[in-house]
Amino acid sequence: MTSDKERWNKRHVEKPMRHNVEPLLQRYIEHAQVGEALDIACGTGRNTHFMQEKGFFVDAVDISDYALGEIKDLKGIKKFELDLDTYNLEINKYELIVNINFLSRRLLPQIKEALRCGGLLIFETFIIAHGDFTQPVNPEFLLRKNELLHAFIGLDIIYYEERRDTNLRGEDTMVASLVARKPA
């Protein structure tokens, strides 16, 4: 049986993803106070590098050593090869947490706790879609309608939307996007 690490390494090699920064992050990063940031399931670092360029000290976390190897060794970036199925987030550590195209329901309450007061969350991932859409096969990795919004009740919601989008490989999909701040 192939491990998650092997599967993701293979996927990054055989089906490389686009390298441009996530538009949601570009649009809302200015709402975050510069400081410690976390890029969950960072992949090859497209968002990690952008946050670092904006002055953040970024913890880039991914299971794929291949993907982490693509991230530049720069001051302000710490790379962590970790299994997000077992990793626990540090409480009250981050001014900014970014979670793009990844879902671990186990981490949702931890993400809230890992934000410092006034910290910003930028979260976007796939939702269950009906019709002609490409989506992960395992429903465990798909949000239900309004699930992301409900998961972060208690945070101040700045932006929320469920919409048709194009994934990193250019395929039609459905996503939920959320930007929220932990109350001070």
C-alpha atoms as a PDB file:
ATOM      1  CA  MET A   1       0.000   0.000   0.000  1.00  0.00           C
ATOM      2  CA  THR A   2       1.308   3.432  -0.950  1.00  0.00           C
ATOM      3  CA  SER A   3       1.832   5.885   1.903  1.00  0.00           C
ATOM      4  CA  ASP A   4       0.338   9.387   1.789  1.00  0.00           C
ATOM      5  CA  LYS A   5       3.856  10.767   1.431  1.00  0.00           C
ATOM      6  CA  GLU A   6       4.624   8.554  -1.591  1.00  0.00           C
ATOM      7  CA  ARG A   7       1.249   9.318  -3.172  1.00  0.00           C
ATOM      8  CA  TRP A   8       1.710  13.086  -2.812  1.00  0.00           C
ATOM      9  CA  ASN A   9       5.326  12.979  -3.993  1.00  0.00           C
ATOM     10  CA  LYS A  10       4.197  11.140  -7.117  1.00  0.00           C
ATOM     11  CA  ARG A  11       1.315  13.558  -7.660  1.00  0.00           C
ATOM     12  CA  HIS A  12       3.588  16.611  -7.435  1.00  0.00           C
ATOM     13  CA  VAL A  13       5.963  15.078 -10.000  1.00  0.00           C
ATOM     14  CA  GLU A  14       3.384  13.736 -12.464  1.00  0.00           C
ATOM     15  CA  LYS A  15       0.721  16.458 -12.208  1.00  0.00           C
ATOM     16  CA  PRO A  16       2.447  19.691 -11.202  1.00  0.00           C
ATOM     17  CA  MET A  17       0.159  22.422  -9.981  1.00  0.00           C
ATOM     18  CA  ARG A  18       0.164  26.036 -11.085  1.00  0.00           C
ATOM     19  CA  HIS A  19       2.603  28.270  -9.283  1.00  0.00           C
ATOM     20  CA  ASN A  20       0.600  31.479  -8.991  1.00  0.00           C
ATOM     21  CA  VAL A  21      -0.464  32.729  -5.577  1.00  0.00           C
ATOM     22  CA  GLU A  22      -4.002  31.960  -4.469  1.00  0.00           C
ATOM     23  CA  PRO A  23      -6.167  35.004  -5.400  1.00  0.00           C
ATOM     24  CA  LEU A  24      -8.018  34.862  -2.055  1.00  0.00           C
ATOM     25  CA  LEU A  25      -4.698  35.225  -0.219  1.00  0.00           C
ATOM     26  CA  GLN A  26      -3.589  38.090  -2.481  1.00  0.00           C
ATOM     27  CA  ARG A  27      -6.874  39.891  -1.889  1.00  0.00           C
ATOM     28  CA  TYR A  28      -6.947  39.588   1.910  1.00  0.00           C
ATOM     29  CA  ILE A  29      -3.337  39.348   3.165  1.00  0.00           C
ATOM     30  CA  GLU A  30      -3.305  43.067   3.955  1.00  0.00           C
ATOM     31  CA  HIS A  31      -5.970  42.368   6.615  1.00  0.00           C
ATOM     32  CA  ALA A  32      -3.428  40.353   8.619  1.00  0.00           C
ATOM     33  CA  GLN A  33      -0.930  41.802  11.058  1.00  0.00           C
ATOM     34  CA  VAL A  34       2.573  40.808   9.945  1.00  0.00           C
ATOM     35  CA  GLY A  35       4.094  38.163  12.204  1.00  0.00           C
ATOM     36  CA  GLU A  36       3.970  34.371  12.468  1.00  0.00           C
ATOM     37  CA  ALA A  37       2.044  32.576   9.701  1.00  0.00           C
ATOM     38  CA  LEU A  38       1.145  28.965   8.981  1.00  0.00           C
ATOM     39  CA  ASP A  39       0.681  27.487   5.503  1.00  0.00           C
ATOM     40  CA  ILE A  40      -1.197  24.198   5.987  1.00  0.00           C
ATOM     41  CA  ALA A  41      -0.543  21.584   3.252  1.00  0.00           C
ATOM     42  CA  CYS A  42       1.726  24.142   1.592  1.00  0.00           C
ATOM     43  CA  GLY A  43       2.721  22.013  -1.400  1.00  0.00           C
ATOM     44  CA  THR A  44       5.543  23.583  -3.390  1.00  0.00           C
ATOM     45  CA  GLY A  45       5.227  26.911  -1.593  1.00  0.00           C
ATOM     46  CA  ARG A  46       3.334  29.179  -3.966  1.00  0.00           C
ATOM     47  CA  ASN A  47       1.577  30.838  -1.010  1.00  0.00           C
ATOM     48  CA  THR A  48       4.476  30.360   1.413  1.00  0.00           C
ATOM     49  CA  HIS A  49       6.822  32.458  -0.713  1.00  0.00           C
ATOM     50  CA  PHE A  50       4.204  35.194  -1.133  1.00  0.00           C
ATOM     51  CA  MET A  51       3.635  35.461   2.632  1.00  0.00           C
ATOM     52  CA  GLN A  52       7.388  35.556   3.273  1.00  0.00           C
ATOM     53  CA  GLU A  53       7.792  38.347   0.699  1.00  0.00           C
ATOM     54  CA  LYS A  54       5.111  40.293   2.602  1.00  0.00           C
ATOM     55  CA  GLY A  55       7.189  40.052   5.790  1.00  0.00           C
ATOM     56  CA  PHE A  56       5.643  37.035   7.511  1.00  0.00           C
ATOM     57  CA  PHE A  57       7.649  34.319   9.263  1.00  0.00           C
ATOM     58  CA  VAL A  58       6.051  31.243   7.712  1.00  0.00           C
ATOM     59  CA  ASP A  59       5.786  27.691   9.010  1.00  0.00           C
ATOM     60  CA  ALA A  60       5.277  25.664   5.810  1.00  0.00           C
ATOM     61  CA  VAL A  61       3.796  22.244   6.619  1.00  0.00           C
ATOM     62  CA  ASP A  62       3.333  19.366   4.185  1.00  0.00           C
ATOM     63  CA  ILE A  63       3.717  15.577   4.079  1.00  0.00           C
ATOM     64  CA  SER A  64       5.542  15.630   0.727  1.00  0.00           C
ATOM     65  CA  ASP A  65       9.302  15.955   1.027  1.00  0.00           C
ATOM     66  CA  TYR A  66       9.414  16.474  -2.738  1.00  0.00           C
ATOM     67  CA  ALA A  67       7.077  19.494  -2.497  1.00  0.00           C
ATOM     68  CA  LEU A  68       8.945  20.932   0.483  1.00  0.00           C
ATOM     69  CA  GLY A  69      12.179  20.577  -1.484  1.00  0.00           C
ATOM     70  CA  GLU A  70      10.735  22.994  -4.052  1.00  0.00           C
ATOM     71  CA  ILE A  71      10.355  25.708  -1.424  1.00  0.00           C
ATOM     72  CA  LYS A  72      13.274  28.124  -1.378  1.00  0.00           C
ATOM     73  CA  ASP A  73      15.516  28.112   1.692  1.00  0.00           C
ATOM     74  CA  LEU A  74      14.858  31.701   2.703  1.00  0.00           C
ATOM     75  CA  LYS A  75      15.057  33.591   5.971  1.00  0.00           C
ATOM     76  CA  GLY A  76      11.532  33.670   7.334  1.00  0.00           C
ATOM     77  CA  ILE A  77      10.480  30.223   6.070  1.00  0.00           C
ATOM     78  CA  LYS A  78      10.617  27.087   8.197  1.00  0.00           C
ATOM     79  CA  LYS A  79       9.697  23.851   6.426  1.00  0.00           C
ATOM     80  CA  PHE A  80       8.092  20.979   8.342  1.00  0.00           C
ATOM     81  CA  GLU A  81       7.582  17.534   6.831  1.00  0.00           C
ATOM     82  CA  LEU A  82       4.605  16.386   8.888  1.00  0.00           C
ATOM     83  CA  ASP A  83       1.566  14.167   8.576  1.00  0.00           C
ATOM     84  CA  LEU A  84      -1.393  16.479   9.114  1.00  0.00           C
ATOM     85  CA  ASP A  85      -3.493  13.474  10.133  1.00  0.00           C
ATOM     86  CA  THR A  86      -1.547  13.362  13.410  1.00  0.00           C
ATOM     87  CA  TYR A  87       0.093  16.793  13.786  1.00  0.00           C
ATOM     88  CA  ASN A  88      -1.372  19.179  16.359  1.00  0.00           C
ATOM     89  CA  LEU A  89      -1.221  22.942  15.984  1.00  0.00           C
ATOM     90  CA  GLU A  90       0.322  25.141  18.653  1.00  0.00           C
ATOM     91  CA  ILE A  91      -2.192  27.280  20.545  1.00  0.00           C
ATOM     92  CA  ASN A  92      -2.154  31.110  20.132  1.00  0.00           C
ATOM     93  CA  LYS A  93       0.844  31.147  17.793  1.00  0.00           C
ATOM     94  CA  TYR A  94      -0.191  32.672  14.468  1.00  0.00           C
ATOM     95  CA  GLU A  95      -1.271  36.066  13.138  1.00  0.00           C
ATOM     96  CA  LEU A  96      -2.180  34.381   9.836  1.00  0.00           C
ATOM     97  CA  ILE A  97      -3.221  30.835   8.947  1.00  0.00           C
ATOM     98  CA  VAL A  98      -3.701  29.812   5.320  1.00  0.00           C
ATOM     99  CA  ASN A  99      -5.387  26.533   4.372  1.00  0.00           C
ATOM    100  CA  ILE A 100      -5.900  26.097   0.622  1.00  0.00           C
ATOM    101  CA  ASN A 101      -7.230  22.961  -1.126  1.00  0.00           C
ATOM    102  CA  PHE A 102      -6.879  20.760   1.943  1.00  0.00           C
ATOM    103  CA  LEU A 103      -9.403  19.482   4.466  1.00  0.00           C
ATOM    104  CA  SER A 104      -8.824  17.847   7.808  1.00  0.00           C
ATOM    105  CA  ARG A 105     -11.922  18.172   9.960  1.00  0.00           C
ATOM    106  CA  ARG A 106      -9.781  17.142  12.932  1.00  0.00           C
ATOM    107  CA  LEU A 107      -7.761  20.357  12.497  1.00  0.00           C
ATOM    108  CA  LEU A 108     -10.714  22.779  12.241  1.00  0.00           C
ATOM    109  CA  PRO A 109     -11.040  23.470  15.996  1.00  0.00           C
ATOM    110  CA  GLN A 110      -7.255  23.533  16.328  1.00  0.00           C
ATOM    111  CA  ILE A 111      -7.014  26.209  13.631  1.00  0.00           C
ATOM    112  CA  LYS A 112      -9.279  28.484  15.680  1.00  0.00           C
ATOM    113  CA  GLU A 113      -7.145  27.904  18.757  1.00  0.00           C
ATOM    114  CA  ALA A 114      -3.856  28.378  16.881  1.00  0.00           C
ATOM    115  CA  LEU A 115      -4.809  31.913  15.848  1.00  0.00           C
ATOM    116  CA  ARG A 116      -3.724  34.712  18.156  1.00  0.00           C
ATOM    117  CA  CYS A 117      -6.361  37.256  19.147  1.00  0.00           C
ATOM    118  CA  GLY A 118      -6.901  39.405  16.074  1.00  0.00           C
ATOM    119  CA  GLY A 119      -5.344  36.699  13.870  1.00  0.00           C
ATOM    120  CA  LEU A 120      -6.626  36.116  10.342  1.00  0.00           C
ATOM    121  CA  LEU A 121      -7.720  32.848   8.741  1.00  0.00           C
ATOM    122  CA  ILE A 122      -7.809  32.409   4.963  1.00  0.00           C
ATOM    123  CA  PHE A 123      -9.364  29.049   4.072  1.00  0.00           C
ATOM    124  CA  GLU A 124     -10.494  27.669   0.722  1.00  0.00           C
ATOM    125  CA  THR A 125     -11.219  24.100  -0.290  1.00  0.00           C
ATOM    126  CA  PHE A 126     -13.568  21.883  -2.241  1.00  0.00           C
ATOM    127  CA  ILE A 127     -17.248  21.308  -1.542  1.00  0.00           C
ATOM    128  CA  ILE A 128     -19.545  18.546  -2.696  1.00  0.00           C
ATOM    129  CA  ALA A 129     -20.670  19.328  -6.221  1.00  0.00           C
ATOM    130  CA  HIS A 130     -23.329  17.810  -8.414  1.00  0.00           C
ATOM    131  CA  GLY A 131     -22.982  17.772 -12.166  1.00  0.00           C
ATOM    132  CA  ASP A 132     -19.906  18.081 -14.357  1.00  0.00           C
ATOM    133  CA  PHE A 133     -17.233  18.897 -11.807  1.00  0.00           C
ATOM    134  CA  THR A 134     -13.869  17.438 -10.916  1.00  0.00           C
ATOM    135  CA  GLN A 135     -13.533  16.800  -7.212  1.00  0.00           C
ATOM    136  CA  PRO A 136     -11.647  14.542  -4.833  1.00  0.00           C
ATOM    137  CA  VAL A 137     -13.089  11.041  -4.941  1.00  0.00           C
ATOM    138  CA  ASN A 138     -13.161  10.577  -1.154  1.00  0.00           C
ATOM    139  CA  PRO A 139     -16.079  12.535   0.383  1.00  0.00           C
ATOM    140  CA  GLU A 140     -13.987  12.857   3.551  1.00  0.00           C
ATOM    141  CA  PHE A 141     -12.082  15.590   1.678  1.00  0.00           C
ATOM    142  CA  LEU A 142     -15.185  17.521   0.573  1.00  0.00           C
ATOM    143  CA  LEU A 143     -17.080  20.076   2.602  1.00  0.00           C
ATOM    144  CA  ARG A 144     -20.854  20.056   2.757  1.00  0.00           C
ATOM    145  CA  LYS A 145     -22.831  23.203   2.001  1.00  0.00           C
ATOM    146  CA  ASN A 146     -22.069  25.915   4.608  1.00  0.00           C
ATOM    147  CA  GLU A 147     -19.890  23.498   6.621  1.00  0.00           C
ATOM    148  CA  LEU A 148     -16.850  25.783   6.485  1.00  0.00           C
ATOM    149  CA  LEU A 149     -18.901  28.737   7.680  1.00  0.00           C
ATOM    150  CA  HIS A 150     -20.321  26.734  10.595  1.00  0.00           C
ATOM    151  CA  ALA A 151     -16.891  25.338  11.539  1.00  0.00           C
ATOM    152  CA  PHE A 152     -15.631  28.835  12.281  1.00  0.00           C
ATOM    153  CA  ILE A 153     -18.584  30.215  14.213  1.00  0.00           C
ATOM    154  CA  GLY A 154     -17.135  32.487  16.861  1.00  0.00           C
ATOM    155  CA  LEU A 155     -14.694  34.131  14.461  1.00  0.00           C
ATOM    156  CA  ASP A 156     -15.604  37.435  12.842  1.00  0.00           C
ATOM    157  CA  ILE A 157     -16.428  36.554   9.224  1.00  0.00           C
ATOM    158  CA  ILE A 158     -14.974  39.015   6.731  1.00  0.00           C
ATOM    159  CA  TYR A 159     -15.815  37.055   3.568  1.00  0.00           C
ATOM    160  CA  TYR A 160     -17.602  33.803   2.758  1.00  0.00           C
ATOM    161  CA  GLU A 161     -18.626  32.336  -0.581  1.00  0.00           C
ATOM    162  CA  GLU A 162     -19.385  29.002  -2.216  1.00  0.00           C
ATOM    163  CA  ARG A 163     -18.804  29.096  -5.950  1.00  0.00           C
ATOM    164  CA  ARG A 164     -17.759  27.405  -9.148  1.00  0.00           C
ATOM    165  CA  ASP A 165     -13.995  27.673  -9.687  1.00  0.00           C
ATOM    166  CA  THR A 166     -11.054  26.152 -11.540  1.00  0.00           C
ATOM    167  CA  ASN A 167      -8.690  23.946  -9.540  1.00  0.00           C
ATOM    168  CA  LEU A 168      -4.889  24.027  -9.678  1.00  0.00           C
ATOM    169  CA  ARG A 169      -4.925  21.708 -12.695  1.00  0.00           C
ATOM    170  CA  GLY A 170      -7.428  23.777 -14.682  1.00  0.00           C
ATOM    171  CA  GLU A 171     -10.481  21.569 -13.998  1.00  0.00           C
ATOM    172  CA  ASP A 172     -13.969  22.861 -13.080  1.00  0.00           C
ATOM    173  CA  THR A 173     -14.801  22.407  -9.407  1.00  0.00           C
ATOM    174  CA  MET A 174     -16.799  23.897  -6.545  1.00  0.00           C
ATOM    175  CA  VAL A 175     -15.106  25.618  -3.608  1.00  0.00           C
ATOM    176  CA  ALA A 176     -15.943  27.293  -0.336  1.00  0.00           C
ATOM    177  CA  SER A 177     -13.878  30.348   0.622  1.00  0.00           C
ATOM    178  CA  LEU A 178     -13.668  31.948   4.030  1.00  0.00           C
ATOM    179  CA  VAL A 179     -11.740  34.844   5.502  1.00  0.00           C
ATOM    180  CA  ALA A 180     -12.251  35.388   9.226  1.00  0.00           C
ATOM    181  CA  ARG A 181     -10.609  37.100  12.183  1.00  0.00           C
ATOM    182  CA  LYS A 182     -10.297  35.790  15.743  1.00  0.00           C
ATOM    183  CA  PRO A 183     -11.877  38.394  18.016  1.00  0.00           C
ATOM    184  CA  ALA A 184      -9.444  40.386  20.166  1.00  0.00           C
END
